[in-house]
Amino acid sequence: MRPPLTKVADRHGATVSRIALAWLLAASPTTLAIPGTGSLTHLKENVAAGSIPLTDEAWPTSADLGGRLSQR
């Protein structure tokens, strides 16, 4: 069985890290994510995370994660 966030990442052609960053950016207008960047490639990926369109349907349910998912 594939991890739920891997499935979301695959649907968007992104890495799990980019999906996690996209979620943080979308979670709250008052949240400021400051990801570490070790290269220009990573910087570009981090910036691109802000343009990933995430819908509620894209996210795994609490049941998918064994009940360990908090509400967004």
PDB file of N, CA and C in Angstrom:
ATOM      1  N   MET A   1       0.845  -1.177   0.000  1.00  0.00           N
ATOM      2  CA  MET A   1       0.000   0.000   0.000  1.00  0.00           C
ATOM      3  C   MET A   1       0.894   1.245   0.000  1.00  0.00           C
ATOM      4  N   ARG A   2       0.566   2.199  -0.858  1.00  0.00           N
ATOM      5  CA  ARG A   2       1.349   3.428  -0.967  1.00  0.00           C
ATOM      6  C   ARG A   2       0.869   4.441   0.060  1.00  0.00           C
ATOM      7  N   PRO A   3       1.778   5.210   0.641  1.00  0.00           N
ATOM      8  CA  PRO A   3       1.381   6.243   1.604  1.00  0.00           C
ATOM      9  C   PRO A   3       0.436   7.249   0.944  1.00  0.00           C
ATOM     10  N   PRO A   4      -0.599   7.711   1.668  1.00  0.00           N
ATOM     11  CA  PRO A   4      -1.588   8.619   1.090  1.00  0.00           C
ATOM     12  C   PRO A   4      -0.996   9.897   0.491  1.00  0.00           C
ATOM     13  N   LEU A   5      -0.005  10.505   1.133  1.00  0.00           N
ATOM     14  CA  LEU A   5       0.560  11.737   0.575  1.00  0.00           C
ATOM     15  C   LEU A   5       1.335  11.479  -0.703  1.00  0.00           C
ATOM     16  N   THR A   6       1.864  10.276  -0.859  1.00  0.00           N
ATOM     17  CA  THR A   6       2.535   9.926  -2.108  1.00  0.00           C
ATOM     18  C   THR A   6       1.527   9.908  -3.245  1.00  0.00           C
ATOM     19  N   LYS A   7       0.334   9.413  -2.973  1.00  0.00           N
ATOM     20  CA  LYS A   7      -0.719   9.409  -3.994  1.00  0.00           C
ATOM     21  C   LYS A   7      -1.086  10.833  -4.404  1.00  0.00           C
ATOM     22  N   VAL A   8      -1.206  11.732  -3.432  1.00  0.00           N
ATOM     23  CA  VAL A   8      -1.522  13.139  -3.724  1.00  0.00           C
ATOM     24  C   VAL A   8      -0.391  13.742  -4.553  1.00  0.00           C
ATOM     25  N   ALA A   9       0.838  13.491  -4.152  1.00  0.00           N
ATOM     26  CA  ALA A   9       1.996  14.027  -4.883  1.00  0.00           C
ATOM     27  C   ALA A   9       2.020  13.519  -6.320  1.00  0.00           C
ATOM     28  N   ASP A  10       1.761  12.246  -6.501  1.00  0.00           N
ATOM     29  CA  ASP A  10       1.749  11.670  -7.849  1.00  0.00           C
ATOM     30  C   ASP A  10       0.686  12.332  -8.722  1.00  0.00           C
ATOM     31  N   ARG A  11      -0.493  12.577  -8.160  1.00  0.00           N
ATOM     32  CA  ARG A  11      -1.564  13.215  -8.936  1.00  0.00           C
ATOM     33  C   ARG A  11      -1.181  14.611  -9.394  1.00  0.00           C
ATOM     34  N   HIS A  12      -0.315  15.287  -8.637  1.00  0.00           N
ATOM     35  CA  HIS A  12       0.082  16.655  -8.973  1.00  0.00           C
ATOM     36  C   HIS A  12       1.460  16.715  -9.639  1.00  0.00           C
ATOM     37  N   GLY A  13       2.086  15.578  -9.836  1.00  0.00           N
ATOM     38  CA  GLY A  13       3.415  15.565 -10.430  1.00  0.00           C
ATOM     39  C   GLY A  13       4.424  16.297  -9.562  1.00  0.00           C
ATOM     40  N   ALA A  14       4.298  16.135  -8.261  1.00  0.00           N
ATOM     41  CA  ALA A  14       5.143  16.849  -7.311  1.00  0.00           C
ATOM     42  C   ALA A  14       5.735  15.877  -6.301  1.00  0.00           C
ATOM     43  N   THR A  15       6.688  16.364  -5.530  1.00  0.00           N
ATOM     44  CA  THR A  15       7.241  15.546  -4.454  1.00  0.00           C
ATOM     45  C   THR A  15       6.342  15.655  -3.229  1.00  0.00           C
ATOM     46  N   VAL A  16       6.485  14.705  -2.314  1.00  0.00           N
ATOM     47  CA  VAL A  16       5.730  14.756  -1.067  1.00  0.00           C
ATOM     48  C   VAL A  16       6.087  16.029  -0.301  1.00  0.00           C
ATOM     49  N   SER A  17       7.342  16.435  -0.347  1.00  0.00           N
ATOM     50  CA  SER A  17       7.764  17.671   0.332  1.00  0.00           C
ATOM     51  C   SER A  17       7.046  18.887  -0.229  1.00  0.00           C
ATOM     52  N   ARG A  18       6.906  18.948  -1.550  1.00  0.00           N
ATOM     53  CA  ARG A  18       6.187  20.081  -2.162  1.00  0.00           C
ATOM     54  C   ARG A  18       4.719  20.073  -1.762  1.00  0.00           C
ATOM     55  N   ILE A  19       4.120  18.898  -1.687  1.00  0.00           N
ATOM     56  CA  ILE A  19       2.715  18.802  -1.280  1.00  0.00           C
ATOM     57  C   ILE A  19       2.567  19.255   0.165  1.00  0.00           C
ATOM     58  N   ALA A  20       3.482  18.841   1.024  1.00  0.00           N
ATOM     59  CA  ALA A  20       3.430  19.262   2.427  1.00  0.00           C
ATOM     60  C   ALA A  20       3.563  20.776   2.537  1.00  0.00           C
ATOM     61  N   LEU A  21       4.458  21.359   1.775  1.00  0.00           N
ATOM     62  CA  LEU A  21       4.621  22.814   1.784  1.00  0.00           C
ATOM     63  C   LEU A  21       3.377  23.499   1.225  1.00  0.00           C
ATOM     64  N   ALA A  22       2.809  22.955   0.163  1.00  0.00           N
ATOM     65  CA  ALA A  22       1.578  23.517  -0.399  1.00  0.00           C
ATOM     66  C   ALA A  22       0.456  23.490   0.627  1.00  0.00           C
ATOM     67  N   TRP A  23       0.377  22.399   1.385  1.00  0.00           N
ATOM     68  CA  TRP A  23      -0.649  22.301   2.420  1.00  0.00           C
ATOM     69  C   TRP A  23      -0.438  23.370   3.483  1.00  0.00           C
ATOM     70  N   LEU A  24       0.797  23.557   3.919  1.00  0.00           N
ATOM     71  CA  LEU A  24       1.082  24.593   4.921  1.00  0.00           C
ATOM     72  C   LEU A  24       0.697  25.973   4.404  1.00  0.00           C
ATOM     73  N   LEU A  25       1.009  26.244   3.151  1.00  0.00           N
ATOM     74  CA  LEU A  25       0.681  27.549   2.568  1.00  0.00           C
ATOM     75  C   LEU A  25      -0.824  27.747   2.444  1.00  0.00           C
ATOM     76  N   ALA A  26      -1.556  26.672   2.160  1.00  0.00           N
ATOM     77  CA  ALA A  26      -3.007  26.766   1.982  1.00  0.00           C
ATOM     78  C   ALA A  26      -3.768  26.688   3.305  1.00  0.00           C
ATOM     79  N   ALA A  27      -3.129  26.182   4.340  1.00  0.00           N
ATOM     80  CA  ALA A  27      -3.825  25.913   5.601  1.00  0.00           C
ATOM     81  C   ALA A  27      -4.321  27.176   6.288  1.00  0.00           C
ATOM     82  N   SER A  28      -3.593  28.258   6.176  1.00  0.00           N
ATOM     83  CA  SER A  28      -3.970  29.468   6.894  1.00  0.00           C
ATOM     84  C   SER A  28      -3.331  30.682   6.242  1.00  0.00           C
ATOM     85  N   PRO A  29      -4.096  31.756   6.092  1.00  0.00           N
ATOM     86  CA  PRO A  29      -3.509  32.977   5.527  1.00  0.00           C
ATOM     87  C   PRO A  29      -2.518  33.648   6.486  1.00  0.00           C
ATOM     88  N   THR A  30      -2.496  33.207   7.724  1.00  0.00           N
ATOM     89  CA  THR A  30      -1.573  33.804   8.692  1.00  0.00           C
ATOM     90  C   THR A  30      -0.362  32.922   8.965  1.00  0.00           C
ATOM     91  N   THR A  31      -0.254  31.809   8.260  1.00  0.00           N
ATOM     92  CA  THR A  31       0.883  30.914   8.430  1.00  0.00           C
ATOM     93  C   THR A  31       1.982  31.317   7.460  1.00  0.00           C
ATOM     94  N   LEU A  32       3.190  31.394   7.955  1.00  0.00           N
ATOM     95  CA  LEU A  32       4.327  31.687   7.100  1.00  0.00           C
ATOM     96  C   LEU A  32       5.294  30.512   7.184  1.00  0.00           C
ATOM     97  N   ALA A  33       5.394  29.785   6.109  1.00  0.00           N
ATOM     98  CA  ALA A  33       6.316  28.651   6.047  1.00  0.00           C
ATOM     99  C   ALA A  33       7.672  29.152   5.577  1.00  0.00           C
ATOM    100  N   ILE A  34       8.718  28.728   6.253  1.00  0.00           N
ATOM    101  CA  ILE A  34      10.073  29.118   5.867  1.00  0.00           C
ATOM    102  C   ILE A  34      10.876  27.833   5.647  1.00  0.00           C
ATOM    103  N   PRO A  35      10.774  27.278   4.436  1.00  0.00           N
ATOM    104  CA  PRO A  35      11.488  26.029   4.172  1.00  0.00           C
ATOM    105  C   PRO A  35      12.977  26.275   3.949  1.00  0.00           C
ATOM    106  N   GLY A  36      13.773  25.316   4.345  1.00  0.00           N
ATOM    107  CA  GLY A  36      15.198  25.400   4.059  1.00  0.00           C
ATOM    108  C   GLY A  36      15.448  25.133   2.586  1.00  0.00           C
ATOM    109  N   THR A  37      16.456  25.771   2.043  1.00  0.00           N
ATOM    110  CA  THR A  37      16.769  25.602   0.634  1.00  0.00           C
ATOM    111  C   THR A  37      18.271  25.447   0.482  1.00  0.00           C
ATOM    112  N   GLY A  38      18.689  24.324  -0.078  1.00  0.00           N
ATOM    113  CA  GLY A  38      20.110  24.070  -0.248  1.00  0.00           C
ATOM    114  C   GLY A  38      20.607  24.268  -1.669  1.00  0.00           C
ATOM    115  N   SER A  39      19.669  24.553  -2.584  1.00  0.00           N
ATOM    116  CA  SER A  39      20.076  24.743  -3.976  1.00  0.00           C
ATOM    117  C   SER A  39      19.027  25.567  -4.706  1.00  0.00           C
ATOM    118  N   LEU A  40      19.408  26.064  -5.864  1.00  0.00           N
ATOM    119  CA  LEU A  40      18.469  26.818  -6.687  1.00  0.00           C
ATOM    120  C   LEU A  40      17.300  25.941  -7.116  1.00  0.00           C
ATOM    121  N   THR A  41      17.555  24.676  -7.380  1.00  0.00           N
ATOM    122  CA  THR A  41      16.483  23.741  -7.756  1.00  0.00           C
ATOM    123  C   THR A  41      15.459  23.625  -6.644  1.00  0.00           C
ATOM    124  N   HIS A  42      15.930  23.484  -5.396  1.00  0.00           N
ATOM    125  CA  HIS A  42      15.001  23.388  -4.268  1.00  0.00           C
ATOM    126  C   HIS A  42      14.231  24.684  -4.078  1.00  0.00           C
ATOM    127  N   LEU A  43      14.886  25.815  -4.285  1.00  0.00           N
ATOM    128  CA  LEU A  43      14.195  27.104  -4.182  1.00  0.00           C
ATOM    129  C   LEU A  43      13.055  27.170  -5.199  1.00  0.00           C
ATOM    130  N   LYS A  44      13.324  26.775  -6.425  1.00  0.00           N
ATOM    131  CA  LYS A  44      12.291  26.788  -7.466  1.00  0.00           C
ATOM    132  C   LYS A  44      11.138  25.848  -7.104  1.00  0.00           C
ATOM    133  N   GLU A  45      11.466  24.671  -6.556  1.00  0.00           N
ATOM    134  CA  GLU A  45      10.421  23.733  -6.147  1.00  0.00           C
ATOM    135  C   GLU A  45       9.582  24.315  -5.011  1.00  0.00           C
ATOM    136  N   ASN A  46      10.232  24.973  -4.066  1.00  0.00           N
ATOM    137  CA  ASN A  46       9.507  25.569  -2.943  1.00  0.00           C
ATOM    138  C   ASN A  46       8.569  26.669  -3.419  1.00  0.00           C
ATOM    139  N   VAL A  47       9.033  27.506  -4.324  1.00  0.00           N
ATOM    140  CA  VAL A  47       8.188  28.578  -4.856  1.00  0.00           C
ATOM    141  C   VAL A  47       7.019  27.984  -5.635  1.00  0.00           C
ATOM    142  N   ALA A  48       7.275  26.942  -6.403  1.00  0.00           N
ATOM    143  CA  ALA A  48       6.222  26.298  -7.200  1.00  0.00           C
ATOM    144  C   ALA A  48       5.155  25.656  -6.326  1.00  0.00           C
ATOM    145  N   ALA A  49       5.492  25.299  -5.099  1.00  0.00           N
ATOM    146  CA  ALA A  49       4.511  24.668  -4.208  1.00  0.00           C
ATOM    147  C   ALA A  49       3.310  25.571  -3.970  1.00  0.00           C
ATOM    148  N   GLY A  50       3.519  26.875  -4.013  1.00  0.00           N
ATOM    149  CA  GLY A  50       2.424  27.814  -3.797  1.00  0.00           C
ATOM    150  C   GLY A  50       1.385  27.811  -4.906  1.00  0.00           C
ATOM    151  N   SER A  51       1.725  27.238  -6.044  1.00  0.00           N
ATOM    152  CA  SER A  51       0.778  27.217  -7.162  1.00  0.00           C
ATOM    153  C   SER A  51       0.102  25.862  -7.351  1.00  0.00           C
ATOM    154  N   ILE A  52       0.332  24.939  -6.444  1.00  0.00           N
ATOM    155  CA  ILE A  52      -0.325  23.624  -6.543  1.00  0.00           C
ATOM    156  C   ILE A  52      -1.763  23.774  -6.059  1.00  0.00           C
ATOM    157  N   PRO A  53      -2.733  23.507  -6.943  1.00  0.00           N
ATOM    158  CA  PRO A  53      -4.136  23.640  -6.540  1.00  0.00           C
ATOM    159  C   PRO A  53      -4.570  22.433  -5.705  1.00  0.00           C
ATOM    160  N   LEU A  54      -4.828  22.675  -4.460  1.00  0.00           N
ATOM    161  CA  LEU A  54      -5.235  21.588  -3.573  1.00  0.00           C
ATOM    162  C   LEU A  54      -6.714  21.726  -3.236  1.00  0.00           C
ATOM    163  N   THR A  55      -7.442  20.657  -3.425  1.00  0.00           N
ATOM    164  CA  THR A  55      -8.846  20.621  -3.068  1.00  0.00           C
ATOM    165  C   THR A  55      -9.018  19.672  -1.889  1.00  0.00           C
ATOM    166  N   ASP A  56     -10.147  19.761  -1.228  1.00  0.00           N
ATOM    167  CA  ASP A  56     -10.397  18.846  -0.119  1.00  0.00           C
ATOM    168  C   ASP A  56     -10.370  17.395  -0.569  1.00  0.00           C
ATOM    169  N   GLU A  57     -10.767  17.140  -1.822  1.00  0.00           N
ATOM    170  CA  GLU A  57     -10.769  15.778  -2.333  1.00  0.00           C
ATOM    171  C   GLU A  57      -9.358  15.240  -2.505  1.00  0.00           C
ATOM    172  N   ALA A  58      -8.368  16.123  -2.614  1.00  0.00           N
ATOM    173  CA  ALA A  58      -6.987  15.698  -2.833  1.00  0.00           C
ATOM    174  C   ALA A  58      -6.364  15.107  -1.585  1.00  0.00           C
ATOM    175  N   TRP A  59      -6.946  15.382  -0.432  1.00  0.00           N
ATOM    176  CA  TRP A  59      -6.321  14.988   0.824  1.00  0.00           C
ATOM    177  C   TRP A  59      -6.810  13.649   1.324  1.00  0.00           C
ATOM    178  N   PRO A  60      -5.893  12.892   1.904  1.00  0.00           N
ATOM    179  CA  PRO A  60      -6.312  11.628   2.508  1.00  0.00           C
ATOM    180  C   PRO A  60      -7.231  11.898   3.691  1.00  0.00           C
ATOM    181  N   THR A  61      -8.111  10.972   3.940  1.00  0.00           N
ATOM    182  CA  THR A  61      -9.003  11.114   5.086  1.00  0.00           C
ATOM    183  C   THR A  61      -8.303  10.628   6.342  1.00  0.00           C
ATOM    184  N   SER A  62      -8.897  10.934   7.466  1.00  0.00           N
ATOM    185  CA  SER A  62      -8.358  10.470   8.741  1.00  0.00           C
ATOM    186  C   SER A  62      -8.268   8.948   8.753  1.00  0.00           C
ATOM    187  N   ALA A  63      -9.249   8.288   8.170  1.00  0.00           N
ATOM    188  CA  ALA A  63      -9.240   6.829   8.114  1.00  0.00           C
ATOM    189  C   ALA A  63      -8.053   6.312   7.295  1.00  0.00           C
ATOM    190  N   ASP A  64      -7.707   7.042   6.206  1.00  0.00           N
ATOM    191  CA  ASP A  64      -6.560   6.652   5.389  1.00  0.00           C
ATOM    192  C   ASP A  64      -5.269   6.673   6.192  1.00  0.00           C
ATOM    193  N   LEU A  65      -5.190   7.561   7.160  1.00  0.00           N
ATOM    194  CA  LEU A  65      -3.980   7.724   7.959  1.00  0.00           C
ATOM    195  C   LEU A  65      -4.100   7.059   9.327  1.00  0.00           C
ATOM    196  N   GLY A  66      -5.046   6.180   9.471  1.00  0.00           N
ATOM    197  CA  GLY A  66      -5.209   5.476  10.730  1.00  0.00           C
ATOM    198  C   GLY A  66      -5.743   6.365  11.841  1.00  0.00           C
ATOM    199  N   GLY A  67      -6.549   7.378  11.472  1.00  0.00           N
ATOM    200  CA  GLY A  67      -7.151   8.251  12.467  1.00  0.00           C
ATOM    201  C   GLY A  67      -6.220   9.330  13.017  1.00  0.00           C
ATOM    202  N   ARG A  68      -5.070   9.549  12.367  1.00  0.00           N
ATOM    203  CA  ARG A  68      -4.090  10.497  12.880  1.00  0.00           C
ATOM    204  C   ARG A  68      -4.082  11.815  12.121  1.00  0.00           C
ATOM    205  N   LEU A  69      -5.172  12.195  11.505  1.00  0.00           N
ATOM    206  CA  LEU A  69      -5.217  13.415  10.706  1.00  0.00           C
ATOM    207  C   LEU A  69      -6.012  14.470  11.435  1.00  0.00           C
ATOM    208  N   SER A  70      -5.411  15.607  11.699  1.00  0.00           N
ATOM    209  CA  SER A  70      -6.151  16.708  12.313  1.00  0.00           C
ATOM    210  C   SER A  70      -6.855  17.493  11.217  1.00  0.00           C
ATOM    211  N   GLN A  71      -7.878  18.212  11.593  1.00  0.00           N
ATOM    212  CA  GLN A  71      -8.635  18.996  10.624  1.00  0.00           C
ATOM    213  C   GLN A  71      -7.817  20.157  10.128  1.00  0.00           C
ATOM    214  N   ARG A  72      -7.970  20.476   8.809  1.00  0.00           N
ATOM    215  CA  ARG A  72      -7.288  21.636   8.239  1.00  0.00           C
ATOM    216  C   ARG A  72      -8.059  22.877   8.582  1.00  0.00           C
TER     217      ARG A  72
END
